[in-house]
Amino acid sequence: MPPPAPEATSLLRRCLAEDLAQGGDLTSAALVPVDASSTGRIVARDEGTIAGLHLGLDVFYLVRGEGEAEITVTTHIADGDRVSAGATLATVEGSSRAILTGERTCLNILGHLSGIATATQAVVAALSGTATRVADTRKTTPGLRALEKYAVRCGGGTNHRFGLHDAVMIKDNHLVVAGSITEAITRVRSAVGHTVTVTVEVDRVDQIEAVLAGAPDIILLDNLRGDDLERAVALVDGRAITEASGNLNLESAAAVAAAGVDVISLGWITHSAPRLDVALDF
């Protein structure tokens, strides 16, 4: 499911405010009669996986002004669908001013989220035939996390924790402060209770036995590769979920999955995914 409507609407209004501020759309106001109507097609210029279509289209309802023609939107595909270059994603009919004013905001949102979905789907396809799941991280655009994580789901991926508030992840800097792995896990377990998932990050195989003694839910194997990664997975032996992370790309993900990890988490699918080229044509 996409983010709740109030959250999405709030985001759209903030995006529109960047364009309109207090002056509105000066070009359309000067050139386009208030009662003019047009029909526009949202089209994909590249092949990809779509995310954020309805969210982007909602922009046109928000910018329609008094006295302008009603907006009618018809979608031809759904979020999560794979489309070819040239495919028509949706048709927008009604106020010419509203369509022209909302065009760039709609396409920015749709292109960005579809780029994330497309990147995620590419990794999922690369891991086809394995049991390894693809997950995102907290490396998201500030203010857009819920939308970007939704796009990951549209691409067939899964979501990691949404923030610092919903799961524990003990990382290397936490261990420096806590003093030891055992102390860190003990203090976390006593503070958060049994219902909160606990992940512990390790970057050496010789850390794993101490981590397992604390019975974490997940062991994050950071930047382990090759024989070290295989030894780590064998050592855990199903006693915790194994997650691999750290500078993984489309090419290296398959080799890491072959080591038997349960999850691969990738920051670049949200922070560096190329946007999908989408356009609005009259």
Protein backbone atom coordinates (compact mmCIF):
# COMPACT_ATOMS: atom_id res chain seq x y z
CA MET A 1 0.00 0.00 0.00
CA PRO A 2 1.17 3.58 -0.65
CA PRO A 3 1.69 6.03 2.24
CA PRO A 4 -1.48 7.29 3.97
CA ALA A 5 -3.34 10.00 2.06
CA PRO A 6 -2.77 12.84 4.59
CA GLU A 7 0.98 12.23 4.56
CA ALA A 8 1.07 12.07 0.76
CA THR A 9 -1.04 15.22 0.35
CA SER A 10 1.19 17.12 2.74
CA LEU A 11 4.22 16.14 0.68
CA LEU A 12 2.55 17.18 -2.59
CA ARG A 13 1.67 20.59 -1.17
CA ARG A 14 5.28 21.12 -0.07
CA CYS A 15 6.50 20.15 -3.55
CA LEU A 16 4.05 22.51 -5.23
CA ALA A 17 5.05 25.34 -2.90
CA GLU A 18 8.59 25.14 -4.32
CA ASP A 19 7.17 25.99 -7.75
CA LEU A 20 4.29 28.29 -6.93
CA ALA A 21 5.24 30.12 -3.71
CA GLN A 22 2.99 33.20 -3.51
CA GLY A 23 3.05 34.06 -7.22
CA GLY A 24 1.51 30.99 -8.80
CA ASP A 25 2.24 29.84 -12.35
CA LEU A 26 3.03 33.12 -14.08
CA THR A 27 3.40 31.57 -17.54
CA SER A 28 0.12 29.65 -17.58
CA ALA A 29 -1.81 32.52 -15.99
CA ALA A 30 -0.63 34.86 -18.74
CA LEU A 31 -1.03 32.53 -21.73
CA VAL A 32 -3.79 30.03 -20.97
CA PRO A 33 -7.49 31.00 -20.71
CA VAL A 34 -9.02 30.00 -17.40
CA ASP A 35 -11.63 27.79 -19.09
CA ALA A 36 -9.24 26.05 -21.54
CA SER A 37 -9.22 22.26 -21.58
CA SER A 38 -6.56 19.82 -22.78
CA THR A 39 -5.78 16.13 -22.81
CA GLY A 40 -2.34 14.95 -21.78
CA ARG A 41 -0.75 11.50 -21.79
CA ILE A 42 1.77 10.45 -19.16
CA VAL A 43 4.24 8.27 -21.05
CA ALA A 44 7.35 6.28 -20.19
CA ARG A 45 10.37 7.15 -22.31
CA ASP A 46 12.31 4.18 -20.95
CA GLU A 47 11.49 0.62 -19.93
CA GLY A 48 11.03 0.27 -16.20
CA THR A 49 8.90 -0.54 -13.16
CA ILE A 50 6.33 2.05 -12.13
CA ALA A 51 5.83 3.49 -8.65
CA GLY A 52 4.03 6.61 -7.48
CA LEU A 53 1.60 6.95 -10.37
CA HIS A 54 -1.50 7.84 -8.36
CA LEU A 55 0.55 10.06 -6.07
CA GLY A 56 1.89 12.05 -9.00
CA LEU A 57 -1.52 12.32 -10.63
CA ASP A 58 -3.05 13.74 -7.45
CA VAL A 59 -1.03 16.90 -8.12
CA PHE A 60 -3.45 17.94 -10.87
CA TYR A 61 -6.41 17.94 -8.49
CA LEU A 62 -4.52 20.09 -6.00
CA VAL A 63 -3.55 22.81 -8.50
CA ARG A 64 -6.92 23.14 -10.26
CA GLY A 65 -8.20 26.67 -9.68
CA GLU A 66 -11.63 28.25 -9.39
CA GLY A 67 -13.48 28.39 -12.71
CA GLU A 68 -11.19 25.84 -14.38
CA ALA A 69 -12.47 22.68 -16.04
CA GLU A 70 -12.77 19.53 -13.94
CA ILE A 71 -9.82 17.14 -13.97
CA THR A 72 -10.39 13.53 -15.03
CA VAL A 73 -7.59 10.99 -14.71
CA THR A 74 -7.54 7.53 -16.30
CA THR A 75 -4.74 5.15 -15.36
CA HIS A 76 -3.67 2.44 -17.79
CA ILE A 77 -1.22 0.58 -15.57
CA ALA A 78 -0.71 0.09 -11.82
CA ASP A 79 2.20 0.65 -9.47
CA GLY A 80 4.51 -2.34 -9.64
CA ASP A 81 3.82 -2.96 -13.33
CA ARG A 82 6.73 -3.33 -15.72
CA VAL A 83 6.30 -1.13 -18.82
CA SER A 84 8.12 -0.74 -22.10
CA ALA A 85 9.46 2.49 -23.57
CA GLY A 86 6.62 4.46 -25.13
CA ALA A 87 3.89 3.01 -22.93
CA THR A 88 1.05 5.32 -21.90
CA LEU A 89 0.75 5.23 -18.12
CA ALA A 90 -2.23 7.54 -17.67
CA THR A 91 -4.40 10.12 -19.42
CA VAL A 92 -5.24 13.47 -17.85
CA GLU A 93 -8.15 15.53 -19.17
CA GLY A 94 -9.47 18.90 -18.08
CA SER A 95 -8.06 22.27 -17.07
CA SER A 96 -5.12 23.19 -19.29
CA ARG A 97 -3.78 25.45 -16.56
CA ALA A 98 -3.86 22.71 -13.96
CA ILE A 99 -2.16 20.21 -16.26
CA LEU A 100 0.60 22.64 -17.21
CA THR A 101 1.10 23.84 -13.64
CA GLY A 102 1.25 20.37 -12.12
CA GLU A 103 3.22 18.70 -14.92
CA ARG A 104 6.76 18.97 -13.54
CA THR A 105 5.85 18.10 -9.96
CA CYS A 106 3.93 15.03 -11.15
CA LEU A 107 6.79 13.86 -13.35
CA ASN A 108 9.44 14.53 -10.69
CA ILE A 109 7.64 12.31 -8.19
CA LEU A 110 6.74 9.61 -10.69
CA GLY A 111 10.20 9.52 -12.29
CA HIS A 112 12.03 9.39 -8.95
CA LEU A 113 9.90 6.67 -7.40
CA SER A 114 9.78 4.63 -10.60
CA GLY A 115 13.57 4.83 -10.79
CA ILE A 116 13.81 3.31 -7.32
CA ALA A 117 11.31 0.59 -8.22
CA THR A 118 13.22 -0.16 -11.43
CA ALA A 119 16.57 -0.40 -9.63
CA THR A 120 15.08 -2.64 -6.96
CA GLN A 121 13.49 -4.91 -9.54
CA ALA A 122 16.83 -5.29 -11.30
CA VAL A 123 18.45 -6.60 -8.11
CA VAL A 124 15.49 -8.87 -7.37
CA ALA A 125 15.83 -10.32 -10.89
CA ALA A 126 19.57 -10.81 -10.39
CA LEU A 127 18.83 -12.91 -7.28
CA SER A 128 16.17 -15.02 -8.98
CA GLY A 129 16.55 -18.64 -7.99
CA THR A 130 17.92 -17.83 -4.54
CA ALA A 131 16.05 -17.42 -1.27
CA THR A 132 17.75 -14.09 -0.52
CA ARG A 133 15.49 -11.07 -0.07
CA VAL A 134 16.39 -7.54 -1.18
CA ALA A 135 15.93 -4.79 1.41
CA ASP A 136 16.46 -1.04 1.54
CA THR A 137 18.20 1.01 4.26
CA ARG A 138 17.74 4.37 6.01
CA LYS A 139 19.81 6.05 3.28
CA THR A 140 16.82 7.91 1.90
CA THR A 141 16.04 11.47 0.84
CA PRO A 142 15.07 13.49 3.95
CA GLY A 143 11.29 13.77 4.10
CA LEU A 144 10.69 11.17 1.39
CA ARG A 145 11.46 7.96 3.27
CA ALA A 146 7.91 6.56 3.33
CA LEU A 147 7.53 7.15 -0.41
CA GLU A 148 10.94 5.75 -1.33
CA LYS A 149 10.38 2.65 0.78
CA TYR A 150 7.00 2.23 -0.91
CA ALA A 151 8.79 2.35 -4.27
CA VAL A 152 11.14 -0.40 -3.09
CA ARG A 153 8.11 -2.59 -2.38
CA CYS A 154 6.72 -1.81 -5.85
CA GLY A 155 9.99 -3.16 -7.26
CA GLY A 156 9.64 -6.44 -5.36
CA GLY A 157 11.95 -5.54 -2.47
CA THR A 158 11.31 -5.50 1.26
CA ASN A 159 11.67 -2.73 3.81
CA HIS A 160 14.29 -2.56 6.52
CA ARG A 161 13.44 -0.60 9.65
CA PHE A 162 11.70 2.71 8.94
CA GLY A 163 13.68 4.67 11.50
CA LEU A 164 15.49 4.62 14.79
CA HIS A 165 12.17 4.19 16.55
CA ASP A 166 10.99 0.77 15.36
CA ALA A 167 13.98 -1.57 15.64
CA VAL A 168 17.40 -1.79 17.28
CA MET A 169 20.60 -1.89 15.24
CA ILE A 170 23.83 -2.07 17.22
CA LYS A 171 26.59 -0.77 14.96
CA ASP A 172 30.34 -0.41 15.36
CA ASN A 173 30.16 3.04 16.97
CA HIS A 174 27.60 1.77 19.50
CA LEU A 175 30.03 -1.00 20.45
CA VAL A 176 32.79 1.55 21.06
CA VAL A 177 30.55 3.37 23.52
CA ALA A 178 29.14 0.23 25.14
CA GLY A 179 32.56 -1.38 25.56
CA SER A 180 31.71 -4.88 24.33
CA ILE A 181 29.24 -6.83 22.25
CA THR A 182 27.92 -8.72 25.26
CA GLU A 183 27.37 -5.54 27.25
CA ALA A 184 25.65 -3.84 24.33
CA ILE A 185 23.17 -6.65 23.71
CA THR A 186 22.44 -7.09 27.43
CA ARG A 187 21.68 -3.40 27.91
CA VAL A 188 19.51 -3.23 24.78
CA ARG A 189 17.47 -6.30 25.71
CA SER A 190 16.76 -4.95 29.19
CA ALA A 191 15.74 -1.57 27.78
CA VAL A 192 13.46 -2.44 24.86
CA GLY A 193 11.86 -5.75 25.79
CA HIS A 194 11.26 -8.90 23.81
CA THR A 195 8.97 -7.49 21.09
CA VAL A 196 11.62 -5.29 19.45
CA THR A 197 13.87 -6.78 16.75
CA VAL A 198 17.58 -6.55 17.56
CA THR A 199 20.27 -6.46 14.85
CA VAL A 200 23.98 -6.53 15.60
CA GLU A 201 26.52 -5.49 12.98
CA VAL A 202 29.81 -7.36 12.66
CA ASP A 203 32.69 -6.88 10.25
CA ARG A 204 34.82 -9.85 11.36
CA VAL A 205 34.02 -13.54 11.58
CA ASP A 206 35.60 -13.77 15.04
CA GLN A 207 32.88 -11.47 16.44
CA ILE A 208 30.05 -13.84 15.62
CA GLU A 209 30.26 -16.25 18.57
CA ALA A 210 30.03 -13.37 21.05
CA VAL A 211 27.06 -11.96 19.16
CA LEU A 212 25.26 -15.31 19.05
CA ALA A 213 25.63 -15.60 22.83
CA GLY A 214 23.31 -12.60 23.13
CA ALA A 215 20.69 -14.22 20.87
CA PRO A 216 20.05 -11.34 18.44
CA ASP A 217 17.34 -11.60 15.83
CA ILE A 218 19.60 -10.53 12.95
CA ILE A 219 23.34 -10.46 12.38
CA LEU A 220 24.43 -7.85 9.85
CA LEU A 221 27.54 -9.04 8.04
CA ASP A 222 29.12 -5.78 6.95
CA ASN A 223 31.51 -5.92 4.00
CA LEU A 224 32.22 -9.64 4.41
CA ARG A 225 32.90 -11.37 1.10
CA GLY A 226 34.07 -14.68 -0.32
CA ASP A 227 35.33 -17.28 2.14
CA ASP A 228 34.74 -14.99 5.14
CA LEU A 229 31.09 -14.58 4.22
CA GLU A 230 30.58 -18.30 3.70
CA ARG A 231 32.26 -19.05 7.05
CA ALA A 232 30.05 -16.49 8.76
CA VAL A 233 26.82 -17.94 7.35
CA ALA A 234 27.94 -21.46 8.32
CA LEU A 235 28.82 -20.30 11.83
CA VAL A 236 25.44 -18.64 12.37
CA ASP A 237 23.79 -21.83 11.08
CA GLY A 238 20.24 -20.52 11.19
CA ARG A 239 20.45 -19.23 14.78
CA ALA A 240 19.77 -15.71 13.51
CA ILE A 241 18.76 -14.07 10.25
CA THR A 242 21.87 -13.20 8.25
CA GLU A 243 21.97 -9.91 6.40
CA ALA A 244 24.78 -8.83 4.07
CA SER A 245 25.48 -5.18 3.42
CA GLY A 246 28.23 -2.79 2.41
CA ASN A 247 29.03 -1.50 -1.08
CA LEU A 248 26.99 -4.13 -2.88
CA ASN A 249 26.02 -3.52 -6.49
CA LEU A 250 24.01 -5.35 -9.11
CA GLU A 251 26.98 -7.48 -10.13
CA SER A 252 28.21 -8.46 -6.65
CA ALA A 253 24.77 -9.09 -5.12
CA ALA A 254 24.33 -12.47 -6.82
CA ALA A 255 27.66 -13.76 -5.52
CA VAL A 256 26.79 -12.65 -2.00
CA ALA A 257 23.36 -14.30 -2.23
CA ALA A 258 25.06 -17.53 -3.31
CA ALA A 259 26.77 -17.63 0.09
CA GLY A 260 23.35 -18.29 1.63
CA VAL A 261 22.51 -15.00 3.36
CA ASP A 262 18.85 -14.38 4.10
CA VAL A 263 18.80 -10.68 3.22
CA ILE A 264 20.86 -8.23 1.19
CA SER A 265 20.41 -4.57 2.11
CA LEU A 266 21.32 -1.85 -0.38
CA GLY A 267 21.48 1.89 0.15
CA TRP A 268 21.91 2.85 -3.49
CA ILE A 269 18.49 1.64 -4.59
CA THR A 270 17.05 4.66 -2.76
CA HIS A 271 19.83 7.24 -2.66
CA SER A 272 21.37 6.75 -6.10
CA ALA A 273 18.82 5.06 -8.37
CA PRO A 274 18.61 6.80 -11.77
CA ARG A 275 15.19 8.35 -12.31
CA LEU A 276 12.95 6.76 -14.90
CA ASP A 277 12.37 9.10 -17.85
CA VAL A 278 8.66 9.94 -17.98
CA ALA A 279 6.92 12.76 -19.84
CA LEU A 280 3.56 14.43 -20.38
CA ASP A 281 2.52 14.89 -24.02
CA PHE A 282 -0.44 16.94 -25.28
